[in-house]
Structures are given as C-alpha cells and as structure tokens.
Amino acid sequence: MVGNKEILENFSNGEIKGKNATGSLFIEHDTIYSYGYHYPIARRVSKNKYIVNNRKVSQTTSRHTNELKRILVTKNAEYSEVFL
C-alpha cells in the first residue's frame, strides 16, 4: 500500500501519476490533489519549482500541504504559496 508521505515524496521527485491506498491523495501530470479535483495542493512549475495552495480547507488537507512543504524544503526546492 502506498501511503501519503510516499505520494508526496513521489510528487516532489517528478512523478506524474500515482495515488495513495484510499485514493484521497493523488498525482495527475504536474498537480497533486487532496480529496478530489476541487482541491489542488500544489503544481509543479519546473523541475525544482512549485506553487503550493494556501487555501485552508480541512485538517487532513492542511497536513498533506504542510508535509509537502517540509519535503520541498529538505530538497531545497522553491515554492510560492498562492490561493489556487
């Protein structure tokens, strides 16, 4: 089973497809979504540059977003927070 952290790591490594065991966190092309297409967590702009959604929705989605930001920081990736 693929967990949330693995999906977030995969996204930060350039993966363009994947989902966690429940399908609540998934990657399609250069975007990672939480609980459906209505909430993109982040978009990959280039290899090491991202746009991260700062719209607050739920505690779980906030955890997904915060974990992704931590991962990006450890990889020295650039990200901007915007309202998507």
N, C-alpha and C. Protein backbone atom coordinates (compact mmCIF):
# COMPACT_ATOMS: atom_id res chain seq x y z
N MET A 1 0.83 -1.19 0.00
CA MET A 1 0.00 0.00 0.00
C MET A 1 0.87 1.25 0.00
N VAL A 2 0.46 2.20 -0.78
CA VAL A 2 1.20 3.45 -0.88
C VAL A 2 0.59 4.46 0.09
N GLY A 3 1.42 5.03 0.93
CA GLY A 3 0.97 5.99 1.93
C GLY A 3 1.08 7.42 1.44
N ASN A 4 0.54 8.32 2.23
CA ASN A 4 0.54 9.75 1.88
C ASN A 4 1.95 10.29 1.69
N LYS A 5 2.84 9.98 2.63
CA LYS A 5 4.19 10.53 2.55
C LYS A 5 4.89 10.06 1.28
N GLU A 6 4.68 8.81 0.90
CA GLU A 6 5.30 8.30 -0.32
C GLU A 6 4.76 9.03 -1.56
N ILE A 7 3.47 9.31 -1.60
CA ILE A 7 2.89 10.05 -2.72
C ILE A 7 3.46 11.46 -2.77
N LEU A 8 3.55 12.11 -1.62
CA LEU A 8 4.12 13.46 -1.57
C LEU A 8 5.58 13.46 -2.02
N GLU A 9 6.35 12.47 -1.58
CA GLU A 9 7.75 12.32 -2.00
C GLU A 9 7.81 12.09 -3.51
N ASN A 10 6.95 11.20 -4.00
CA ASN A 10 6.95 10.91 -5.43
C ASN A 10 6.67 12.16 -6.25
N PHE A 11 5.70 12.95 -5.80
CA PHE A 11 5.39 14.20 -6.49
C PHE A 11 6.60 15.12 -6.51
N SER A 12 7.27 15.25 -5.37
CA SER A 12 8.44 16.12 -5.30
C SER A 12 9.60 15.60 -6.14
N ASN A 13 9.57 14.31 -6.46
CA ASN A 13 10.61 13.70 -7.30
C ASN A 13 10.25 13.72 -8.79
N GLY A 14 9.12 14.34 -9.14
CA GLY A 14 8.77 14.49 -10.54
C GLY A 14 7.77 13.49 -11.08
N GLU A 15 7.24 12.61 -10.23
CA GLU A 15 6.24 11.66 -10.71
C GLU A 15 5.02 12.39 -11.26
N ILE A 16 4.38 11.82 -12.28
CA ILE A 16 3.22 12.46 -12.90
C ILE A 16 1.93 11.66 -12.71
N LYS A 17 2.03 10.54 -12.02
CA LYS A 17 0.84 9.73 -11.77
C LYS A 17 1.07 8.92 -10.50
N GLY A 18 0.00 8.79 -9.71
CA GLY A 18 0.07 7.97 -8.51
C GLY A 18 -1.03 8.37 -7.55
N LYS A 19 -1.34 7.44 -6.62
CA LYS A 19 -2.34 7.73 -5.60
C LYS A 19 -2.08 6.89 -4.37
N ASN A 20 -2.57 7.38 -3.24
CA ASN A 20 -2.42 6.62 -2.00
C ASN A 20 -3.41 5.45 -2.00
N ALA A 21 -3.37 4.65 -0.97
CA ALA A 21 -4.19 3.43 -0.91
C ALA A 21 -5.69 3.71 -1.00
N THR A 22 -6.13 4.84 -0.47
CA THR A 22 -7.56 5.15 -0.48
C THR A 22 -7.97 6.04 -1.65
N GLY A 23 -7.01 6.57 -2.39
CA GLY A 23 -7.31 7.45 -3.50
C GLY A 23 -7.60 8.89 -3.09
N SER A 24 -7.40 9.20 -1.82
CA SER A 24 -7.71 10.55 -1.34
C SER A 24 -6.59 11.55 -1.64
N LEU A 25 -5.42 11.08 -1.97
CA LEU A 25 -4.29 11.93 -2.33
C LEU A 25 -3.72 11.37 -3.63
N PHE A 26 -3.73 12.19 -4.69
CA PHE A 26 -3.31 11.64 -5.98
C PHE A 26 -2.62 12.69 -6.85
N ILE A 27 -1.77 12.17 -7.73
CA ILE A 27 -1.00 12.98 -8.66
C ILE A 27 -1.54 12.77 -10.06
N GLU A 28 -1.75 13.85 -10.77
CA GLU A 28 -2.06 13.79 -12.20
C GLU A 28 -1.27 14.88 -12.90
N HIS A 29 -0.38 14.45 -13.77
CA HIS A 29 0.50 15.34 -14.51
C HIS A 29 1.36 16.15 -13.54
N ASP A 30 1.26 17.44 -13.53
CA ASP A 30 2.10 18.27 -12.66
C ASP A 30 1.34 18.82 -11.46
N THR A 31 0.25 18.16 -11.07
CA THR A 31 -0.56 18.62 -9.94
C THR A 31 -0.83 17.47 -8.99
N ILE A 32 -0.82 17.79 -7.70
CA ILE A 32 -1.20 16.82 -6.67
C ILE A 32 -2.48 17.32 -6.01
N TYR A 33 -3.43 16.43 -5.81
CA TYR A 33 -4.76 16.78 -5.31
C TYR A 33 -5.05 16.07 -3.99
N SER A 34 -5.88 16.71 -3.19
CA SER A 34 -6.35 16.13 -1.94
C SER A 34 -7.87 16.03 -1.99
N TYR A 35 -8.38 14.83 -1.91
CA TYR A 35 -9.82 14.57 -1.88
C TYR A 35 -10.58 15.09 -3.10
N GLY A 36 -9.97 15.06 -4.26
CA GLY A 36 -10.67 15.39 -5.48
C GLY A 36 -10.05 16.54 -6.25
N TYR A 37 -10.53 16.70 -7.47
CA TYR A 37 -10.00 17.74 -8.35
C TYR A 37 -10.32 19.15 -7.87
N HIS A 38 -11.26 19.28 -6.95
CA HIS A 38 -11.62 20.61 -6.46
C HIS A 38 -10.54 21.22 -5.57
N TYR A 39 -9.58 20.39 -5.10
CA TYR A 39 -8.54 20.94 -4.23
C TYR A 39 -7.14 20.50 -4.66
N PRO A 40 -6.51 21.30 -5.53
CA PRO A 40 -5.11 21.04 -5.85
C PRO A 40 -4.23 21.50 -4.70
N ILE A 41 -3.38 20.63 -4.20
CA ILE A 41 -2.45 21.00 -3.14
C ILE A 41 -1.31 21.83 -3.72
N ALA A 42 -0.77 21.36 -4.86
CA ALA A 42 0.36 22.04 -5.45
C ALA A 42 0.47 21.71 -6.93
N ARG A 43 1.18 22.60 -7.63
CA ARG A 43 1.50 22.38 -9.04
C ARG A 43 3.00 22.52 -9.21
N ARG A 44 3.55 21.64 -10.03
CA ARG A 44 4.97 21.70 -10.35
C ARG A 44 5.13 22.63 -11.55
N VAL A 45 5.89 23.68 -11.39
CA VAL A 45 6.10 24.66 -12.46
C VAL A 45 7.31 24.25 -13.31
N SER A 46 8.33 23.75 -12.65
CA SER A 46 9.53 23.23 -13.32
C SER A 46 10.14 22.18 -12.40
N LYS A 47 11.29 21.68 -12.77
CA LYS A 47 11.87 20.56 -12.02
C LYS A 47 11.98 20.82 -10.52
N ASN A 48 12.32 22.00 -10.12
CA ASN A 48 12.55 22.27 -8.70
C ASN A 48 11.79 23.50 -8.22
N LYS A 49 10.65 23.79 -8.88
CA LYS A 49 9.86 24.97 -8.54
C LYS A 49 8.38 24.59 -8.50
N TYR A 50 7.70 25.03 -7.44
CA TYR A 50 6.31 24.64 -7.20
C TYR A 50 5.46 25.83 -6.78
N ILE A 51 4.17 25.70 -7.03
CA ILE A 51 3.17 26.62 -6.49
C ILE A 51 2.34 25.79 -5.53
N VAL A 52 2.25 26.23 -4.27
CA VAL A 52 1.53 25.50 -3.23
C VAL A 52 0.27 26.28 -2.86
N ASN A 53 -0.84 25.58 -2.80
CA ASN A 53 -2.12 26.19 -2.46
C ASN A 53 -2.15 26.55 -0.98
N ASN A 54 -2.47 27.80 -0.66
CA ASN A 54 -2.56 28.19 0.75
C ASN A 54 -4.00 28.36 1.23
N ARG A 55 -4.95 27.91 0.40
CA ARG A 55 -6.36 27.96 0.82
C ARG A 55 -6.58 26.86 1.87
N LYS A 56 -7.17 27.22 2.98
CA LYS A 56 -7.41 26.27 4.07
C LYS A 56 -8.77 25.59 3.88
N VAL A 57 -8.76 24.27 3.98
CA VAL A 57 -10.00 23.51 3.79
C VAL A 57 -10.27 22.63 5.00
N SER A 58 -9.45 21.62 5.20
CA SER A 58 -9.66 20.70 6.32
C SER A 58 -8.33 20.42 7.00
N GLN A 59 -8.40 19.82 8.18
CA GLN A 59 -7.17 19.49 8.91
C GLN A 59 -6.34 18.48 8.13
N THR A 60 -7.00 17.50 7.53
CA THR A 60 -6.27 16.48 6.78
C THR A 60 -5.56 17.08 5.58
N THR A 61 -6.25 17.90 4.82
CA THR A 61 -5.64 18.55 3.66
C THR A 61 -4.51 19.47 4.10
N SER A 62 -4.69 20.18 5.20
CA SER A 62 -3.61 21.02 5.74
C SER A 62 -2.40 20.18 6.10
N ARG A 63 -2.61 19.00 6.64
CA ARG A 63 -1.48 18.10 6.95
C ARG A 63 -0.76 17.70 5.66
N HIS A 64 -1.53 17.35 4.61
CA HIS A 64 -0.92 17.00 3.33
C HIS A 64 -0.06 18.15 2.82
N THR A 65 -0.61 19.35 2.86
CA THR A 65 0.09 20.53 2.36
C THR A 65 1.34 20.82 3.17
N ASN A 66 1.23 20.79 4.49
CA ASN A 66 2.39 21.06 5.35
C ASN A 66 3.48 20.02 5.18
N GLU A 67 3.10 18.77 5.03
CA GLU A 67 4.10 17.71 4.82
C GLU A 67 4.80 17.92 3.48
N LEU A 68 4.07 18.29 2.45
CA LEU A 68 4.69 18.56 1.15
C LEU A 68 5.68 19.72 1.27
N LYS A 69 5.32 20.78 1.96
CA LYS A 69 6.22 21.91 2.13
C LYS A 69 7.50 21.49 2.85
N ARG A 70 7.38 20.65 3.88
CA ARG A 70 8.57 20.15 4.59
C ARG A 70 9.47 19.37 3.64
N ILE A 71 8.86 18.53 2.81
CA ILE A 71 9.63 17.75 1.85
C ILE A 71 10.35 18.67 0.87
N LEU A 72 9.64 19.67 0.36
CA LEU A 72 10.25 20.59 -0.60
C LEU A 72 11.42 21.34 0.01
N VAL A 73 11.29 21.74 1.26
CA VAL A 73 12.38 22.44 1.95
C VAL A 73 13.61 21.54 2.05
N THR A 74 13.41 20.27 2.39
CA THR A 74 14.56 19.35 2.51
C THR A 74 15.25 19.13 1.18
N LYS A 75 14.52 19.33 0.07
CA LYS A 75 15.10 19.16 -1.26
C LYS A 75 15.60 20.48 -1.85
N ASN A 76 15.57 21.54 -1.04
CA ASN A 76 15.96 22.87 -1.50
C ASN A 76 15.17 23.32 -2.72
N ALA A 77 13.93 22.91 -2.81
CA ALA A 77 13.06 23.32 -3.91
C ALA A 77 12.45 24.68 -3.59
N GLU A 78 12.16 25.43 -4.62
CA GLU A 78 11.49 26.71 -4.45
C GLU A 78 9.99 26.48 -4.49
N TYR A 79 9.28 27.21 -3.63
CA TYR A 79 7.80 27.19 -3.75
C TYR A 79 7.23 28.52 -3.33
N SER A 80 6.14 28.87 -3.99
CA SER A 80 5.38 30.07 -3.66
C SER A 80 4.01 29.61 -3.20
N GLU A 81 3.49 30.29 -2.19
CA GLU A 81 2.15 29.96 -1.72
C GLU A 81 1.16 30.94 -2.33
N VAL A 82 0.13 30.39 -2.95
CA VAL A 82 -0.92 31.20 -3.58
C VAL A 82 -2.28 30.57 -3.29
N PHE A 83 -3.31 31.31 -3.54
CA PHE A 83 -4.67 30.80 -3.40
C PHE A 83 -5.07 30.20 -4.72
N LEU A 84 -5.13 28.86 -4.79
CA LEU A 84 -5.50 28.19 -6.04
C LEU A 84 -6.97 27.88 -6.07
